Structure formats: structure tokens, C-alpha cells
Amino acid sequence: MTRSLSRFLKGLLRGFVAVALFTPWYVDSNHEYLAPAGLITLYDALTKGAEAAYRAGHVVAVAELLMFVLLLALFIVLPSPKPKRAKGKPDEQAKSQSSARNQKPQQKKRTRKVPQPAKERITPTI
């Protein structure tokens, strides 16, 4: 889903989803049960109002900010990987051709041809 995005944007979207799903918070102030803080924020905003949504919303906001700072630090410390060059690129071919033109022509080595057996058939065994 994030294949076509840049490396930083991939990390940002994946981090946002991870923080929203895995940051726990109490379901109610009177209970000890935990649930994802993002869902608690949405539920409290729909049922109890904005002030109740702030109870879990500030936890999600701080976690998202911390994730963003860590992601920036990660991208500063680790450089982006450089793409590998395929063999036989046009640049390499042009360099090899220009260097071959500057050198004296060399004679080709002659190799002895080995006679091949006449139409040898190989059958697979099962």
C-alpha cells in the first residue's frame, strides 16, 4: 500500500498507524481495563464530548510527537540506501568503448574448435 511513497512518508504513515493502534489508555477513569488510546478518544468524543476526549487524546498526541521526533532522528543518523547499478549500464559501456579506442588493437586469440557428437539425445528418467 505504501510501496510507491518515499522512504520518509512510508515511515511516517506506518508510525502513525502503529501509535494509534498500540498506545494503551484506560477505558474509564474508574476501571483498570486498557484499550487503544485512539479508539478511546474517538469513543469519548462521540459519547461524552470534547473534554472527555482530551483525557485520552493528549496521550495519543504526545506519542505521535515522540514517534515523529524519533523518525526524524532515524533519518538523520541512517543515510538512505543508494540504488545498485546494474551491470552493463550505458555509462560503463561508453567508458569501456572509449578506453578500447585509445589502446592499440590487439589480435584475437584463436581457439581450437572441438567437434561435437552428432545429435546426442538425453532422455529424463522418472
C-alpha atoms as a PDB file:
ATOM      1  CA  MET A   1       0.000   0.000   0.000  1.00  0.00           C
ATOM      2  CA  THR A   2       2.883   2.358   0.722  1.00  0.00           C
ATOM      3  CA  ARG A   3       5.173   0.912  -1.954  1.00  0.00           C
ATOM      4  CA  SER A   4       5.153   3.968  -4.236  1.00  0.00           C
ATOM      5  CA  LEU A   5       5.744   6.509  -1.449  1.00  0.00           C
ATOM      6  CA  SER A   6       9.066   7.950  -0.359  1.00  0.00           C
ATOM      7  CA  ARG A   7      11.015   6.328   2.468  1.00  0.00           C
ATOM      8  CA  PHE A   8      10.197   9.101   4.952  1.00  0.00           C
ATOM      9  CA  LEU A   9       6.480   9.158   4.138  1.00  0.00           C
ATOM     10  CA  LYS A  10       6.300   5.369   4.477  1.00  0.00           C
ATOM     11  CA  GLY A  11       7.821   5.558   7.935  1.00  0.00           C
ATOM     12  CA  LEU A  12       5.542   8.412   8.931  1.00  0.00           C
ATOM     13  CA  LEU A  13       2.327   6.656   7.882  1.00  0.00           C
ATOM     14  CA  ARG A  14       3.351   3.316   9.371  1.00  0.00           C
ATOM     15  CA  GLY A  15       4.401   5.021  12.618  1.00  0.00           C
ATOM     16  CA  PHE A  16       1.138   6.947  12.822  1.00  0.00           C
ATOM     17  CA  VAL A  17      -0.903   3.753  12.477  1.00  0.00           C
ATOM     18  CA  ALA A  18       1.287   1.856  14.945  1.00  0.00           C
ATOM     19  CA  VAL A  19       0.995   4.589  17.578  1.00  0.00           C
ATOM     20  CA  ALA A  20      -2.760   4.895  17.091  1.00  0.00           C
ATOM     21  CA  LEU A  21      -3.283   1.144  17.465  1.00  0.00           C
ATOM     22  CA  PHE A  22      -0.770   0.233  20.159  1.00  0.00           C
ATOM     23  CA  THR A  23      -0.792   3.141  22.634  1.00  0.00           C
ATOM     24  CA  PRO A  24      -2.851   1.910  25.605  1.00  0.00           C
ATOM     25  CA  TRP A  25      -5.069   4.005  27.859  1.00  0.00           C
ATOM     26  CA  TYR A  26      -7.721   3.341  30.477  1.00  0.00           C
ATOM     27  CA  VAL A  27     -11.239   2.698  29.193  1.00  0.00           C
ATOM     28  CA  ASP A  28     -12.801   4.615  32.047  1.00  0.00           C
ATOM     29  CA  SER A  29     -11.331   6.505  34.972  1.00  0.00           C
ATOM     30  CA  ASN A  30     -12.988   4.028  37.373  1.00  0.00           C
ATOM     31  CA  HIS A  31     -11.774   0.835  35.635  1.00  0.00           C
ATOM     32  CA  GLU A  32      -8.388  -0.830  35.172  1.00  0.00           C
ATOM     33  CA  TYR A  33      -9.092  -2.091  31.638  1.00  0.00           C
ATOM     34  CA  LEU A  34      -6.868  -0.803  28.825  1.00  0.00           C
ATOM     35  CA  ALA A  35      -7.710  -0.207  25.166  1.00  0.00           C
ATOM     36  CA  PRO A  36      -6.064   1.663  22.262  1.00  0.00           C
ATOM     37  CA  ALA A  37      -5.955   5.337  23.180  1.00  0.00           C
ATOM     38  CA  GLY A  38      -7.014   6.417  19.679  1.00  0.00           C
ATOM     39  CA  LEU A  39     -10.236   4.408  19.928  1.00  0.00           C
ATOM     40  CA  ILE A  40     -10.905   5.677  23.452  1.00  0.00           C
ATOM     41  CA  THR A  41     -10.504   9.248  22.180  1.00  0.00           C
ATOM     42  CA  LEU A  42     -12.989   8.672  19.347  1.00  0.00           C
ATOM     43  CA  TYR A  43     -15.486   6.946  21.620  1.00  0.00           C
ATOM     44  CA  ASP A  44     -15.295   9.630  24.292  1.00  0.00           C
ATOM     45  CA  ALA A  45     -15.624  12.399  21.674  1.00  0.00           C
ATOM     46  CA  LEU A  46     -18.777  10.818  20.238  1.00  0.00           C
ATOM     47  CA  THR A  47     -20.470   9.917  23.513  1.00  0.00           C
ATOM     48  CA  LYS A  48     -19.212  12.203  26.282  1.00  0.00           C
ATOM     49  CA  GLY A  49     -17.948  15.299  24.489  1.00  0.00           C
ATOM     50  CA  ALA A  50     -14.700  17.084  23.769  1.00  0.00           C
ATOM     51  CA  GLU A  51     -13.491  17.397  27.357  1.00  0.00           C
ATOM     52  CA  ALA A  52     -13.708  13.635  27.884  1.00  0.00           C
ATOM     53  CA  ALA A  53     -11.894  13.047  24.579  1.00  0.00           C
ATOM     54  CA  TYR A  54      -8.993  15.151  25.808  1.00  0.00           C
ATOM     55  CA  ARG A  55      -8.437  12.588  28.586  1.00  0.00           C
ATOM     56  CA  ALA A  56      -7.004  10.010  26.123  1.00  0.00           C
ATOM     57  CA  GLY A  57      -6.327  12.405  23.239  1.00  0.00           C
ATOM     58  CA  HIS A  58      -3.357  14.073  24.859  1.00  0.00           C
ATOM     59  CA  VAL A  59      -1.697  10.678  25.313  1.00  0.00           C
ATOM     60  CA  VAL A  60      -2.052   9.920  21.594  1.00  0.00           C
ATOM     61  CA  ALA A  61      -0.773  13.389  20.667  1.00  0.00           C
ATOM     62  CA  VAL A  62       2.342  13.042  22.829  1.00  0.00           C
ATOM     63  CA  ALA A  63       3.002   9.533  21.472  1.00  0.00           C
ATOM     64  CA  GLU A  64       2.655  10.782  17.871  1.00  0.00           C
ATOM     65  CA  LEU A  65       5.035  13.679  18.564  1.00  0.00           C
ATOM     66  CA  LEU A  66       7.579  11.321  20.119  1.00  0.00           C
ATOM     67  CA  MET A  67       7.277   8.968  17.123  1.00  0.00           C
ATOM     68  CA  PHE A  68       7.855  11.879  14.728  1.00  0.00           C
ATOM     69  CA  VAL A  69      10.968  13.055  16.605  1.00  0.00           C
ATOM     70  CA  LEU A  70      12.387   9.515  16.665  1.00  0.00           C
ATOM     71  CA  LEU A  71      11.664   9.096  12.954  1.00  0.00           C
ATOM     72  CA  LEU A  72      13.475  12.350  12.139  1.00  0.00           C
ATOM     73  CA  ALA A  73      16.441  11.272  14.261  1.00  0.00           C
ATOM     74  CA  LEU A  74      16.498   7.911  12.498  1.00  0.00           C
ATOM     75  CA  PHE A  75      16.581   9.536   9.062  1.00  0.00           C
ATOM     76  CA  ILE A  76      19.350  11.897  10.114  1.00  0.00           C
ATOM     77  CA  VAL A  77      21.514   9.136  11.591  1.00  0.00           C
ATOM     78  CA  LEU A  78      20.945   6.496   8.903  1.00  0.00           C
ATOM     79  CA  PRO A  79      21.525   7.653   5.333  1.00  0.00           C
ATOM     80  CA  SER A  80      19.200   6.466   2.608  1.00  0.00           C
ATOM     81  CA  PRO A  81      20.424   3.402   0.729  1.00  0.00           C
ATOM     82  CA  LYS A  82      21.887   4.122  -2.683  1.00  0.00           C
ATOM     83  CA  PRO A  83      20.389   2.216  -5.615  1.00  0.00           C
ATOM     84  CA  LYS A  84      22.564  -0.530  -7.020  1.00  0.00           C
ATOM     85  CA  ARG A  85      23.787  -0.071 -10.577  1.00  0.00           C
ATOM     86  CA  ALA A  86      23.042  -2.848 -12.981  1.00  0.00           C
ATOM     87  CA  LYS A  87      25.907  -4.354 -14.904  1.00  0.00           C
ATOM     88  CA  GLY A  88      26.331  -3.114 -18.428  1.00  0.00           C
ATOM     89  CA  LYS A  89      24.863   0.334 -17.955  1.00  0.00           C
ATOM     90  CA  PRO A  90      25.304   2.729 -20.894  1.00  0.00           C
ATOM     91  CA  ASP A  91      27.821   4.819 -18.899  1.00  0.00           C
ATOM     92  CA  GLU A  92      30.023   1.818 -18.231  1.00  0.00           C
ATOM     93  CA  GLN A  93      29.758   0.636 -21.831  1.00  0.00           C
ATOM     94  CA  ALA A  94      30.736   4.068 -23.128  1.00  0.00           C
ATOM     95  CA  LYS A  95      33.761   4.174 -20.821  1.00  0.00           C
ATOM     96  CA  SER A  96      34.913   0.735 -21.864  1.00  0.00           C
ATOM     97  CA  GLN A  97      34.488   1.577 -25.555  1.00  0.00           C
ATOM     98  CA  SER A  98      36.388   4.860 -25.263  1.00  0.00           C
ATOM     99  CA  SER A  99      39.237   3.186 -23.384  1.00  0.00           C
ATOM    100  CA  ALA A 100      39.337   0.433 -26.017  1.00  0.00           C
ATOM    101  CA  ARG A 101      39.644   3.029 -28.782  1.00  0.00           C
ATOM    102  CA  ASN A 102      42.609   4.678 -27.079  1.00  0.00           C
ATOM    103  CA  GLN A 103      44.564   1.432 -26.786  1.00  0.00           C
ATOM    104  CA  LYS A 104      46.360  -0.360 -29.570  1.00  0.00           C
ATOM    105  CA  PRO A 105      44.277  -3.017 -31.279  1.00  0.00           C
ATOM    106  CA  GLN A 106      45.065  -6.477 -30.008  1.00  0.00           C
ATOM    107  CA  GLN A 107      44.865  -9.619 -32.043  1.00  0.00           C
ATOM    108  CA  LYS A 108      42.131 -12.018 -31.158  1.00  0.00           C
ATOM    109  CA  LYS A 109      43.154 -15.349 -29.760  1.00  0.00           C
ATOM    110  CA  ARG A 110      42.206 -18.276 -31.866  1.00  0.00           C
ATOM    111  CA  THR A 111      40.635 -21.174 -30.105  1.00  0.00           C
ATOM    112  CA  ARG A 112      40.527 -24.702 -31.311  1.00  0.00           C
ATOM    113  CA  LYS A 113      37.066 -25.953 -32.068  1.00  0.00           C
ATOM    114  CA  VAL A 114      36.155 -29.288 -30.568  1.00  0.00           C
ATOM    115  CA  PRO A 115      33.940 -31.478 -32.752  1.00  0.00           C
ATOM    116  CA  GLN A 116      30.508 -32.141 -31.243  1.00  0.00           C
ATOM    117  CA  PRO A 117      28.919 -35.604 -31.286  1.00  0.00           C
ATOM    118  CA  ALA A 118      26.147 -35.923 -33.843  1.00  0.00           C
ATOM    119  CA  LYS A 119      22.755 -35.186 -32.285  1.00  0.00           C
ATOM    120  CA  GLU A 120      23.138 -36.783 -28.907  1.00  0.00           C
ATOM    121  CA  ARG A 121      19.760 -37.286 -27.242  1.00  0.00           C
ATOM    122  CA  ILE A 122      19.279 -37.111 -23.485  1.00  0.00           C
ATOM    123  CA  THR A 123      16.111 -38.611 -22.030  1.00  0.00           C
ATOM    124  CA  PRO A 124      14.982 -37.803 -18.488  1.00  0.00           C
ATOM    125  CA  THR A 125      14.336 -40.645 -16.063  1.00  0.00           C
ATOM    126  CA  ILE A 126      11.338 -40.715 -13.835  1.00  0.00           C
END
